[in-house]
N, C-alpha and C. Protein backbone atom coordinates (compact mmCIF):
# COMPACT_ATOMS: atom_id res chain seq x y z
N UNK A 1 -40.61 -28.53 -36.99
CA UNK A 1 -39.55 -29.49 -36.72
C UNK A 1 -40.07 -30.87 -37.22
N UNK A 2 -39.28 -31.58 -38.09
CA UNK A 2 -39.63 -32.86 -38.53
C UNK A 2 -39.53 -33.92 -37.46
N UNK A 3 -40.27 -35.03 -37.60
CA UNK A 3 -40.28 -36.10 -36.60
C UNK A 3 -38.90 -36.61 -36.34
N UNK A 4 -38.09 -36.87 -37.35
CA UNK A 4 -36.74 -37.42 -37.16
C UNK A 4 -35.79 -36.41 -36.60
N UNK A 5 -36.11 -35.15 -36.52
CA UNK A 5 -35.30 -34.19 -35.86
C UNK A 5 -35.56 -33.96 -34.42
N UNK A 6 -36.73 -34.51 -33.96
CA UNK A 6 -37.19 -34.20 -32.63
C UNK A 6 -36.30 -34.82 -31.49
N UNK A 7 -35.79 -36.03 -31.68
CA UNK A 7 -35.03 -36.72 -30.60
C UNK A 7 -33.68 -36.02 -30.47
N UNK A 8 -32.89 -35.66 -31.50
CA UNK A 8 -31.57 -34.97 -31.29
C UNK A 8 -31.84 -33.56 -30.67
N UNK A 9 -32.86 -32.84 -31.01
CA UNK A 9 -33.16 -31.55 -30.46
C UNK A 9 -33.48 -31.64 -29.00
N UNK A 10 -34.30 -32.60 -28.60
CA UNK A 10 -34.61 -32.78 -27.19
C UNK A 10 -33.42 -33.17 -26.41
N UNK A 11 -32.62 -34.10 -26.97
CA UNK A 11 -31.40 -34.48 -26.28
C UNK A 11 -30.45 -33.35 -26.01
N UNK A 12 -30.33 -32.46 -27.06
CA UNK A 12 -29.44 -31.29 -26.92
C UNK A 12 -29.96 -30.31 -25.86
N UNK A 13 -31.30 -30.15 -25.77
CA UNK A 13 -31.86 -29.32 -24.75
C UNK A 13 -31.62 -29.98 -23.40
N UNK A 14 -31.70 -31.27 -23.39
CA UNK A 14 -31.53 -31.99 -22.19
C UNK A 14 -30.12 -31.77 -21.56
N UNK A 15 -29.13 -31.81 -22.47
CA UNK A 15 -27.71 -31.63 -22.04
C UNK A 15 -27.50 -30.16 -21.57
N UNK A 16 -28.17 -29.18 -22.24
CA UNK A 16 -27.98 -27.82 -21.83
C UNK A 16 -28.60 -27.54 -20.46
N UNK A 17 -29.81 -28.16 -20.21
CA UNK A 17 -30.48 -27.89 -18.96
C UNK A 17 -29.86 -28.68 -17.84
N UNK A 18 -29.14 -29.77 -18.12
CA UNK A 18 -28.55 -30.55 -17.06
C UNK A 18 -27.42 -29.87 -16.40
N UNK A 19 -26.90 -28.75 -16.97
CA UNK A 19 -25.80 -27.99 -16.41
C UNK A 19 -26.18 -26.76 -15.71
N UNK A 20 -27.51 -26.70 -15.23
CA UNK A 20 -27.99 -25.58 -14.47
C UNK A 20 -27.17 -25.42 -13.17
N UNK A 21 -27.04 -24.21 -12.68
CA UNK A 21 -26.34 -23.93 -11.47
C UNK A 21 -27.24 -24.19 -10.25
N UNK A 22 -28.49 -24.02 -10.41
CA UNK A 22 -29.47 -24.24 -9.35
C UNK A 22 -29.79 -25.75 -9.24
N UNK A 23 -29.36 -26.46 -8.19
CA UNK A 23 -29.56 -27.91 -8.15
C UNK A 23 -30.99 -28.31 -8.07
N UNK A 24 -31.92 -27.50 -7.51
CA UNK A 24 -33.29 -27.87 -7.50
C UNK A 24 -33.91 -27.76 -8.79
N UNK A 25 -33.63 -26.61 -9.53
CA UNK A 25 -34.18 -26.47 -10.90
C UNK A 25 -33.57 -27.47 -11.81
N UNK A 26 -32.37 -27.88 -11.57
CA UNK A 26 -31.72 -28.86 -12.44
C UNK A 26 -32.42 -30.25 -12.33
N UNK A 27 -32.65 -30.64 -11.09
CA UNK A 27 -33.31 -31.93 -10.94
C UNK A 27 -34.73 -31.95 -11.53
N UNK A 28 -35.45 -30.86 -11.32
CA UNK A 28 -36.82 -30.80 -11.85
C UNK A 28 -36.77 -30.72 -13.36
N UNK A 29 -35.87 -29.98 -13.90
CA UNK A 29 -35.75 -29.89 -15.40
C UNK A 29 -35.30 -31.16 -15.98
N UNK A 30 -34.28 -31.84 -15.31
CA UNK A 30 -33.77 -33.13 -15.90
C UNK A 30 -34.84 -34.16 -15.78
N UNK A 31 -35.66 -34.18 -14.73
CA UNK A 31 -36.75 -35.13 -14.64
C UNK A 31 -37.75 -34.93 -15.73
N UNK A 32 -38.13 -33.65 -16.03
CA UNK A 32 -39.10 -33.35 -17.07
C UNK A 32 -38.56 -33.78 -18.48
N UNK A 33 -37.33 -33.45 -18.69
CA UNK A 33 -36.72 -33.79 -20.01
C UNK A 33 -36.60 -35.32 -20.19
N UNK A 34 -36.34 -35.99 -19.07
CA UNK A 34 -36.28 -37.41 -19.08
C UNK A 34 -37.61 -37.99 -19.56
N UNK A 35 -38.66 -37.46 -19.04
CA UNK A 35 -39.98 -37.91 -19.49
C UNK A 35 -40.27 -37.55 -20.97
N UNK A 36 -39.85 -36.43 -21.40
CA UNK A 36 -40.14 -36.08 -22.78
C UNK A 36 -39.28 -36.91 -23.72
N UNK A 37 -38.03 -37.27 -23.35
CA UNK A 37 -37.26 -38.14 -24.20
C UNK A 37 -37.85 -39.49 -24.21
N UNK A 38 -38.29 -40.03 -23.12
CA UNK A 38 -38.97 -41.38 -23.14
C UNK A 38 -40.18 -41.40 -23.98
N UNK A 39 -40.96 -40.31 -23.97
CA UNK A 39 -42.20 -40.28 -24.86
C UNK A 39 -41.76 -40.23 -26.32
N UNK A 40 -40.68 -39.44 -26.74
CA UNK A 40 -40.22 -39.42 -28.07
C UNK A 40 -39.73 -40.81 -28.53
N UNK A 41 -38.99 -41.44 -27.61
CA UNK A 41 -38.45 -42.76 -27.92
C UNK A 41 -39.64 -43.73 -28.21
N UNK A 42 -40.59 -43.73 -27.33
CA UNK A 42 -41.81 -44.58 -27.46
C UNK A 42 -42.56 -44.30 -28.76
N UNK A 43 -42.71 -42.96 -29.08
CA UNK A 43 -43.38 -42.59 -30.29
C UNK A 43 -42.64 -43.14 -31.56
N UNK A 44 -41.35 -42.96 -31.53
CA UNK A 44 -40.56 -43.48 -32.66
C UNK A 44 -40.66 -44.95 -32.79
N UNK A 45 -40.63 -45.75 -31.70
CA UNK A 45 -40.72 -47.16 -31.74
C UNK A 45 -42.13 -47.65 -32.15
N UNK A 46 -43.12 -46.84 -31.73
CA UNK A 46 -44.46 -47.16 -32.07
C UNK A 46 -44.69 -47.07 -33.59
N UNK A 47 -44.11 -46.07 -34.23
CA UNK A 47 -44.15 -45.92 -35.68
C UNK A 47 -43.45 -47.16 -36.29
N UNK A 48 -42.33 -47.56 -35.77
CA UNK A 48 -41.66 -48.77 -36.25
C UNK A 48 -42.48 -50.00 -36.11
N UNK A 49 -43.11 -50.14 -34.99
CA UNK A 49 -44.03 -51.34 -34.81
C UNK A 49 -45.10 -51.28 -35.87
N UNK A 50 -45.61 -50.11 -36.14
CA UNK A 50 -46.68 -49.95 -37.18
C UNK A 50 -46.25 -50.38 -38.51
N UNK A 51 -44.99 -50.05 -38.83
CA UNK A 51 -44.49 -50.44 -40.09
C UNK A 51 -44.25 -51.98 -40.29
N UNK A 52 -43.80 -52.52 -39.14
CA UNK A 52 -43.64 -53.99 -39.15
C UNK A 52 -45.03 -54.67 -39.25
N UNK A 53 -46.01 -54.12 -38.57
CA UNK A 53 -47.35 -54.64 -38.67
C UNK A 53 -47.92 -54.54 -40.12
N UNK A 54 -47.65 -53.43 -40.75
CA UNK A 54 -48.10 -53.23 -42.15
C UNK A 54 -47.41 -54.33 -43.04
N UNK A 55 -46.16 -54.62 -42.82
CA UNK A 55 -45.51 -55.72 -43.59
C UNK A 55 -46.18 -57.04 -43.24
N UNK A 56 -46.53 -57.25 -42.00
CA UNK A 56 -47.26 -58.50 -41.56
C UNK A 56 -48.57 -58.57 -42.32
N UNK A 57 -49.26 -57.50 -42.42
CA UNK A 57 -50.56 -57.55 -43.13
C UNK A 57 -50.38 -57.84 -44.63
N UNK A 58 -49.36 -57.20 -45.25
CA UNK A 58 -49.06 -57.44 -46.62
C UNK A 58 -48.71 -58.88 -46.86
N UNK A 59 -47.88 -59.47 -46.01
CA UNK A 59 -47.48 -60.88 -46.06
C UNK A 59 -48.72 -61.74 -45.97
N UNK A 60 -49.63 -61.33 -45.04
CA UNK A 60 -50.85 -62.06 -44.87
C UNK A 60 -51.73 -62.15 -46.08
N UNK A 61 -51.73 -61.03 -46.87
CA UNK A 61 -52.48 -60.99 -48.09
C UNK A 61 -51.78 -61.93 -49.14
N UNK A 62 -50.50 -62.03 -49.10
CA UNK A 62 -49.82 -62.91 -50.04
C UNK A 62 -50.05 -64.38 -49.73
N UNK A 63 -50.23 -64.69 -48.47
CA UNK A 63 -50.52 -66.03 -48.10
C UNK A 63 -51.87 -66.44 -48.61
N UNK A 64 -52.78 -65.56 -48.51
CA UNK A 64 -54.11 -65.84 -49.17
C UNK A 64 -54.97 -66.74 -48.31
N UNK A 65 -56.10 -67.03 -48.88
CA UNK A 65 -57.04 -67.92 -48.22
C UNK A 65 -56.94 -69.37 -48.77
N UNK A 66 -57.22 -70.31 -47.94
CA UNK A 66 -57.17 -71.69 -48.47
C UNK A 66 -58.25 -71.94 -49.55
N UNK A 67 -57.83 -72.80 -50.51
CA UNK A 67 -58.81 -73.16 -51.55
C UNK A 67 -58.78 -74.67 -51.73
N UNK A 68 -59.60 -75.15 -52.56
CA UNK A 68 -59.66 -76.60 -52.82
C UNK A 68 -58.33 -77.15 -53.42
N UNK A 69 -57.78 -76.31 -54.30
CA UNK A 69 -56.51 -76.62 -54.93
C UNK A 69 -55.34 -76.53 -53.94
N UNK A 70 -55.34 -75.51 -53.13
CA UNK A 70 -54.28 -75.28 -52.18
C UNK A 70 -54.88 -75.13 -50.76
N UNK A 71 -55.13 -76.25 -50.03
CA UNK A 71 -55.78 -76.14 -48.80
C UNK A 71 -54.77 -75.67 -47.65
N UNK A 72 -53.47 -75.86 -47.89
CA UNK A 72 -52.51 -75.44 -46.91
C UNK A 72 -51.56 -74.39 -47.49
N UNK A 73 -51.33 -73.30 -46.76
CA UNK A 73 -50.43 -72.24 -47.27
C UNK A 73 -48.97 -72.71 -47.36
N UNK A 74 -48.21 -72.00 -48.09
CA UNK A 74 -46.80 -72.27 -48.33
C UNK A 74 -46.09 -72.10 -46.95
N UNK A 75 -45.23 -73.11 -46.55
CA UNK A 75 -44.52 -73.12 -45.27
C UNK A 75 -43.60 -71.90 -45.20
N UNK A 76 -42.92 -71.57 -46.18
CA UNK A 76 -42.00 -70.41 -46.18
C UNK A 76 -42.76 -69.13 -45.95
N UNK A 77 -43.90 -68.92 -46.63
CA UNK A 77 -44.73 -67.70 -46.48
C UNK A 77 -45.25 -67.62 -45.01
N UNK A 78 -45.68 -68.85 -44.47
CA UNK A 78 -46.13 -68.80 -43.08
C UNK A 78 -45.03 -68.51 -42.09
N UNK A 79 -43.84 -69.02 -42.28
CA UNK A 79 -42.70 -68.76 -41.40
C UNK A 79 -42.39 -67.22 -41.44
N UNK A 80 -42.48 -66.60 -42.69
CA UNK A 80 -42.24 -65.19 -42.78
C UNK A 80 -43.31 -64.40 -42.05
N UNK A 81 -44.53 -64.93 -42.16
CA UNK A 81 -45.65 -64.26 -41.46
C UNK A 81 -45.45 -64.30 -39.95
N UNK A 82 -45.08 -65.45 -39.47
CA UNK A 82 -44.79 -65.55 -37.96
C UNK A 82 -43.64 -64.65 -37.53
N UNK A 83 -42.61 -64.61 -38.28
CA UNK A 83 -41.50 -63.74 -37.89
C UNK A 83 -41.83 -62.31 -37.91
N UNK A 84 -42.63 -61.86 -38.94
CA UNK A 84 -43.04 -60.49 -38.97
C UNK A 84 -43.93 -60.12 -37.71
N UNK A 85 -44.84 -61.02 -37.43
CA UNK A 85 -45.71 -60.76 -36.30
C UNK A 85 -44.93 -60.72 -35.01
N UNK A 86 -43.90 -61.59 -34.86
CA UNK A 86 -43.02 -61.63 -33.70
C UNK A 86 -42.25 -60.38 -33.56
N UNK A 87 -41.70 -59.86 -34.63
CA UNK A 87 -40.94 -58.62 -34.62
C UNK A 87 -41.85 -57.44 -34.21
N UNK A 88 -43.02 -57.33 -34.83
CA UNK A 88 -43.91 -56.27 -34.50
C UNK A 88 -44.36 -56.29 -32.98
N UNK A 89 -44.63 -57.56 -32.48
CA UNK A 89 -44.98 -57.70 -31.07
C UNK A 89 -43.80 -57.35 -30.14
N UNK A 90 -42.54 -57.71 -30.52
CA UNK A 90 -41.40 -57.33 -29.73
C UNK A 90 -41.24 -55.81 -29.61
N UNK A 91 -41.45 -55.18 -30.75
CA UNK A 91 -41.27 -53.68 -30.74
C UNK A 91 -42.37 -53.08 -29.89
N UNK A 92 -43.60 -53.58 -30.01
CA UNK A 92 -44.72 -53.08 -29.23
C UNK A 92 -44.49 -53.28 -27.72
N UNK A 93 -43.91 -54.43 -27.33
CA UNK A 93 -43.61 -54.69 -25.91
C UNK A 93 -42.51 -53.70 -25.45
N UNK A 94 -41.55 -53.40 -26.29
CA UNK A 94 -40.55 -52.41 -25.91
C UNK A 94 -41.12 -51.06 -25.74
N UNK A 95 -42.09 -50.69 -26.52
CA UNK A 95 -42.74 -49.38 -26.33
C UNK A 95 -43.40 -49.34 -24.98
N UNK A 96 -44.10 -50.44 -24.63
CA UNK A 96 -44.84 -50.51 -23.37
C UNK A 96 -43.79 -50.35 -22.19
N UNK A 97 -42.63 -51.01 -22.40
CA UNK A 97 -41.63 -50.96 -21.29
C UNK A 97 -41.10 -49.52 -21.15
N UNK A 98 -40.90 -48.84 -22.27
CA UNK A 98 -40.44 -47.44 -22.19
C UNK A 98 -41.50 -46.55 -21.47
N UNK A 99 -42.76 -46.77 -21.78
CA UNK A 99 -43.80 -45.98 -21.14
C UNK A 99 -43.87 -46.28 -19.65
N UNK A 100 -43.50 -47.44 -19.25
CA UNK A 100 -43.62 -47.84 -17.82
C UNK A 100 -42.30 -47.51 -17.01
N UNK A 101 -41.31 -46.98 -17.70
CA UNK A 101 -40.06 -46.72 -16.95
C UNK A 101 -40.18 -45.72 -15.85
N UNK A 102 -39.56 -46.02 -14.72
CA UNK A 102 -39.65 -45.18 -13.54
C UNK A 102 -38.76 -43.96 -13.62
N UNK A 103 -39.17 -42.88 -13.02
CA UNK A 103 -38.34 -41.69 -12.91
C UNK A 103 -37.98 -41.48 -11.43
N UNK A 104 -36.79 -41.10 -11.06
CA UNK A 104 -36.45 -40.97 -9.71
C UNK A 104 -37.38 -39.96 -8.99
N UNK A 105 -37.65 -40.26 -7.78
CA UNK A 105 -38.60 -39.49 -6.97
C UNK A 105 -37.98 -38.10 -6.65
N UNK A 106 -38.91 -37.14 -6.50
CA UNK A 106 -38.45 -35.80 -6.07
C UNK A 106 -38.73 -35.59 -4.60
N UNK A 107 -39.03 -36.65 -3.86
CA UNK A 107 -39.34 -36.60 -2.43
C UNK A 107 -38.06 -36.27 -1.68
N UNK A 108 -38.11 -35.36 -0.71
CA UNK A 108 -36.92 -34.91 0.02
C UNK A 108 -36.38 -36.07 0.88
N UNK A 109 -37.34 -36.95 1.43
CA UNK A 109 -36.90 -38.07 2.28
C UNK A 109 -36.00 -38.95 1.45
N UNK A 110 -36.44 -39.33 0.30
CA UNK A 110 -35.65 -40.18 -0.59
C UNK A 110 -34.42 -39.49 -1.05
N UNK A 111 -34.42 -38.20 -1.17
CA UNK A 111 -33.27 -37.39 -1.56
C UNK A 111 -32.12 -37.65 -0.56
N UNK A 112 -32.47 -37.76 0.72
CA UNK A 112 -31.44 -38.01 1.72
C UNK A 112 -30.84 -39.43 1.64
N UNK A 113 -31.73 -40.34 1.28
CA UNK A 113 -31.29 -41.79 1.16
C UNK A 113 -30.48 -41.96 -0.14
N UNK A 114 -31.01 -41.42 -1.21
CA UNK A 114 -30.40 -41.58 -2.53
C UNK A 114 -29.76 -40.26 -2.96
N UNK A 115 -28.84 -40.31 -3.78
CA UNK A 115 -28.31 -39.15 -4.43
C UNK A 115 -28.97 -38.94 -5.76
N UNK A 116 -30.13 -38.27 -5.69
CA UNK A 116 -30.92 -38.13 -6.89
C UNK A 116 -30.21 -37.35 -8.05
N UNK A 117 -29.45 -36.41 -7.66
CA UNK A 117 -28.67 -35.68 -8.70
C UNK A 117 -27.73 -36.58 -9.45
N UNK A 118 -27.06 -37.49 -8.64
CA UNK A 118 -26.17 -38.39 -9.26
C UNK A 118 -26.88 -39.38 -10.16
N UNK A 119 -28.06 -39.87 -9.73
CA UNK A 119 -28.89 -40.75 -10.51
C UNK A 119 -29.29 -40.08 -11.77
N UNK A 120 -29.80 -38.83 -11.73
CA UNK A 120 -30.23 -38.13 -12.87
C UNK A 120 -29.04 -37.87 -13.89
N UNK A 121 -27.84 -37.63 -13.39
CA UNK A 121 -26.63 -37.48 -14.20
C UNK A 121 -26.38 -38.80 -14.94
N UNK A 122 -26.52 -39.97 -14.24
CA UNK A 122 -26.28 -41.25 -14.93
C UNK A 122 -27.38 -41.53 -15.97
N UNK A 123 -28.62 -41.08 -15.70
CA UNK A 123 -29.65 -41.30 -16.65
C UNK A 123 -29.43 -40.49 -17.95
N UNK A 124 -28.71 -39.39 -17.86
CA UNK A 124 -28.41 -38.61 -19.10
C UNK A 124 -27.71 -39.52 -20.06
N UNK A 125 -26.65 -40.22 -19.61
CA UNK A 125 -25.91 -41.04 -20.49
C UNK A 125 -26.74 -42.25 -21.06
N UNK A 126 -27.50 -42.83 -20.16
CA UNK A 126 -28.37 -43.96 -20.63
C UNK A 126 -29.43 -43.51 -21.65
N UNK A 127 -30.03 -42.34 -21.38
CA UNK A 127 -31.06 -41.79 -22.25
C UNK A 127 -30.44 -41.40 -23.59
N UNK A 128 -29.19 -40.90 -23.55
CA UNK A 128 -28.52 -40.59 -24.81
C UNK A 128 -28.27 -41.87 -25.65
N UNK A 129 -27.86 -42.94 -25.01
CA UNK A 129 -27.67 -44.18 -25.71
C UNK A 129 -29.02 -44.74 -26.24
N UNK A 130 -30.00 -44.62 -25.41
CA UNK A 130 -31.38 -45.05 -25.88
C UNK A 130 -31.79 -44.23 -27.14
N UNK A 131 -31.54 -42.89 -27.06
CA UNK A 131 -31.97 -42.06 -28.20
C UNK A 131 -31.16 -42.38 -29.50
N UNK A 132 -29.86 -42.63 -29.36
CA UNK A 132 -29.08 -42.98 -30.54
C UNK A 132 -29.52 -44.35 -31.12
N UNK A 133 -29.72 -45.33 -30.26
CA UNK A 133 -30.20 -46.59 -30.67
C UNK A 133 -31.53 -46.54 -31.35
N UNK A 134 -32.46 -45.74 -30.78
CA UNK A 134 -33.75 -45.60 -31.39
C UNK A 134 -33.72 -44.87 -32.78
N UNK A 135 -32.75 -43.95 -32.89
CA UNK A 135 -32.57 -43.33 -34.15
C UNK A 135 -32.02 -44.36 -35.19
N UNK A 136 -31.18 -45.27 -34.78
CA UNK A 136 -30.70 -46.30 -35.69
C UNK A 136 -31.82 -47.23 -36.07
N UNK A 137 -32.73 -47.54 -35.09
CA UNK A 137 -33.89 -48.41 -35.37
C UNK A 137 -34.78 -47.67 -36.36
N UNK A 138 -34.96 -46.40 -36.20
CA UNK A 138 -35.81 -45.56 -37.12
C UNK A 138 -35.27 -45.66 -38.53
N UNK A 139 -33.90 -45.46 -38.62
CA UNK A 139 -33.31 -45.52 -40.01
C UNK A 139 -33.56 -46.90 -40.66
N UNK A 140 -33.34 -47.95 -39.84
CA UNK A 140 -33.61 -49.30 -40.42
C UNK A 140 -35.06 -49.47 -40.83
N UNK A 141 -35.90 -48.99 -40.03
CA UNK A 141 -37.36 -49.16 -40.26
C UNK A 141 -37.73 -48.41 -41.56
N UNK A 142 -37.15 -47.26 -41.78
CA UNK A 142 -37.50 -46.44 -42.97
C UNK A 142 -37.10 -47.20 -44.27
N UNK A 143 -36.19 -48.17 -44.13
CA UNK A 143 -35.81 -48.87 -45.35
C UNK A 143 -36.58 -50.24 -45.54
N UNK A 144 -37.56 -50.40 -44.76
CA UNK A 144 -38.32 -51.64 -44.81
C UNK A 144 -39.13 -51.77 -46.12
N UNK A 145 -38.98 -52.92 -46.75
CA UNK A 145 -39.88 -53.33 -47.89
C UNK A 145 -40.26 -54.74 -47.70
N UNK A 146 -41.31 -55.16 -48.38
CA UNK A 146 -41.75 -56.54 -48.23
C UNK A 146 -40.70 -57.51 -48.87
N UNK A 147 -39.99 -57.05 -49.83
CA UNK A 147 -38.98 -57.92 -50.46
C UNK A 147 -37.66 -57.90 -49.74
N UNK A 148 -37.31 -56.82 -49.07
CA UNK A 148 -36.03 -56.74 -48.47
C UNK A 148 -36.00 -56.75 -46.92
N UNK A 149 -37.05 -57.05 -46.27
CA UNK A 149 -37.08 -57.02 -44.82
C UNK A 149 -36.12 -58.06 -44.19
N UNK A 150 -35.90 -59.21 -44.89
CA UNK A 150 -35.08 -60.24 -44.32
C UNK A 150 -33.64 -59.84 -44.16
N UNK A 151 -33.17 -58.89 -45.09
CA UNK A 151 -31.84 -58.43 -45.00
C UNK A 151 -31.64 -57.42 -43.87
N UNK A 152 -32.68 -56.70 -43.53
CA UNK A 152 -32.66 -55.73 -42.47
C UNK A 152 -32.85 -56.29 -41.12
N UNK A 153 -33.57 -57.49 -41.03
CA UNK A 153 -33.94 -58.09 -39.78
C UNK A 153 -32.77 -58.28 -38.79
N UNK A 154 -31.68 -58.90 -39.23
CA UNK A 154 -30.57 -59.10 -38.20
C UNK A 154 -30.08 -57.81 -37.61
N UNK A 155 -29.85 -56.75 -38.38
CA UNK A 155 -29.43 -55.53 -37.81
C UNK A 155 -30.49 -54.92 -36.92
N UNK A 156 -31.71 -55.07 -37.34
CA UNK A 156 -32.86 -54.54 -36.53
C UNK A 156 -32.90 -55.29 -35.18
N UNK A 157 -32.83 -56.62 -35.23
CA UNK A 157 -32.83 -57.41 -33.98
C UNK A 157 -31.68 -56.99 -33.09
N UNK A 158 -30.52 -56.74 -33.69
CA UNK A 158 -29.39 -56.37 -32.87
C UNK A 158 -29.58 -54.97 -32.20
N UNK A 159 -30.15 -54.04 -32.92
CA UNK A 159 -30.40 -52.68 -32.34
C UNK A 159 -31.53 -52.78 -31.29
N UNK A 160 -32.51 -53.61 -31.52
CA UNK A 160 -33.61 -53.76 -30.57
C UNK A 160 -33.06 -54.41 -29.29
N UNK A 161 -32.19 -55.35 -29.47
CA UNK A 161 -31.56 -56.00 -28.26
C UNK A 161 -30.70 -54.98 -27.48
N UNK A 162 -29.97 -54.05 -28.19
CA UNK A 162 -29.27 -53.01 -27.51
C UNK A 162 -30.18 -52.09 -26.77
N UNK A 163 -31.32 -51.76 -27.38
CA UNK A 163 -32.31 -50.84 -26.73
C UNK A 163 -32.90 -51.51 -25.50
N UNK A 164 -33.18 -52.78 -25.57
CA UNK A 164 -33.77 -53.51 -24.41
C UNK A 164 -32.69 -53.56 -23.29
N UNK A 165 -31.46 -53.74 -23.69
CA UNK A 165 -30.37 -53.73 -22.68
C UNK A 165 -30.20 -52.39 -22.01
N UNK A 166 -30.33 -51.36 -22.80
CA UNK A 166 -30.26 -49.96 -22.29
C UNK A 166 -31.45 -49.69 -21.32
N UNK A 167 -32.61 -50.23 -21.60
CA UNK A 167 -33.83 -50.13 -20.77
C UNK A 167 -33.50 -50.76 -19.44
N UNK A 168 -32.94 -51.97 -19.54
CA UNK A 168 -32.57 -52.70 -18.33
C UNK A 168 -31.55 -51.93 -17.42
N UNK A 169 -30.59 -51.34 -18.14
CA UNK A 169 -29.58 -50.59 -17.39
C UNK A 169 -30.21 -49.34 -16.68
N UNK A 170 -31.12 -48.70 -17.38
CA UNK A 170 -31.81 -47.58 -16.82
C UNK A 170 -32.62 -47.96 -15.64
N UNK A 171 -33.35 -49.08 -15.71
CA UNK A 171 -34.17 -49.56 -14.64
C UNK A 171 -33.28 -49.95 -13.42
N UNK A 172 -32.14 -50.44 -13.64
CA UNK A 172 -31.22 -50.86 -12.65
C UNK A 172 -30.68 -49.63 -11.92
N UNK A 173 -30.44 -48.57 -12.67
CA UNK A 173 -29.89 -47.33 -12.09
C UNK A 173 -30.95 -46.72 -11.21
N UNK A 174 -32.14 -46.66 -11.61
CA UNK A 174 -33.23 -46.01 -10.87
C UNK A 174 -33.59 -46.85 -9.62
N UNK A 175 -33.48 -48.16 -9.75
CA UNK A 175 -33.93 -49.00 -8.63
C UNK A 175 -32.87 -49.11 -7.50
N UNK A 176 -31.59 -48.92 -7.89
CA UNK A 176 -30.53 -49.05 -6.88
C UNK A 176 -30.49 -47.86 -5.90
N UNK A 177 -30.24 -48.18 -4.64
CA UNK A 177 -30.05 -47.11 -3.64
C UNK A 177 -28.63 -46.75 -3.62
N UNK A 178 -28.29 -45.48 -3.87
CA UNK A 178 -26.87 -45.05 -3.86
C UNK A 178 -26.46 -44.52 -2.58
């Protein structure tokens, strides 16, 4: 299975398993698939961050070292260098947030207080949105070039903002007591 096929396959398995008739197996299976999906999302975004860092390094080589004739680098090149570093750092922070996402507890005491099955059902929708947004980010990242990254940046920033909002929604769902 290719890397770009991994997320849709996992999401499809996730949807099939979420319809189990045994509620205990369903919750355990859904919790496990939730973790697998989060790991796949983080892996995809880590590759994206790596590509943005590679562009940052290429731009750094274009800026060059100061010389007697040119003691200060070009302002536009330095602005591009800063933006590339900021994009790579933002993606890396998002990867860290995805790794740190909480999963609903399987403790029976909390199961009485919270409706974990309902929470896991809501997480299916959120995880699906996260997976589709991450796939869009992956598509944009695959088109990155040093010459054309400025055209891709606005769409990339928009998708990254959608992903961050999805992460916030997911955290809110898990943290609320139903």
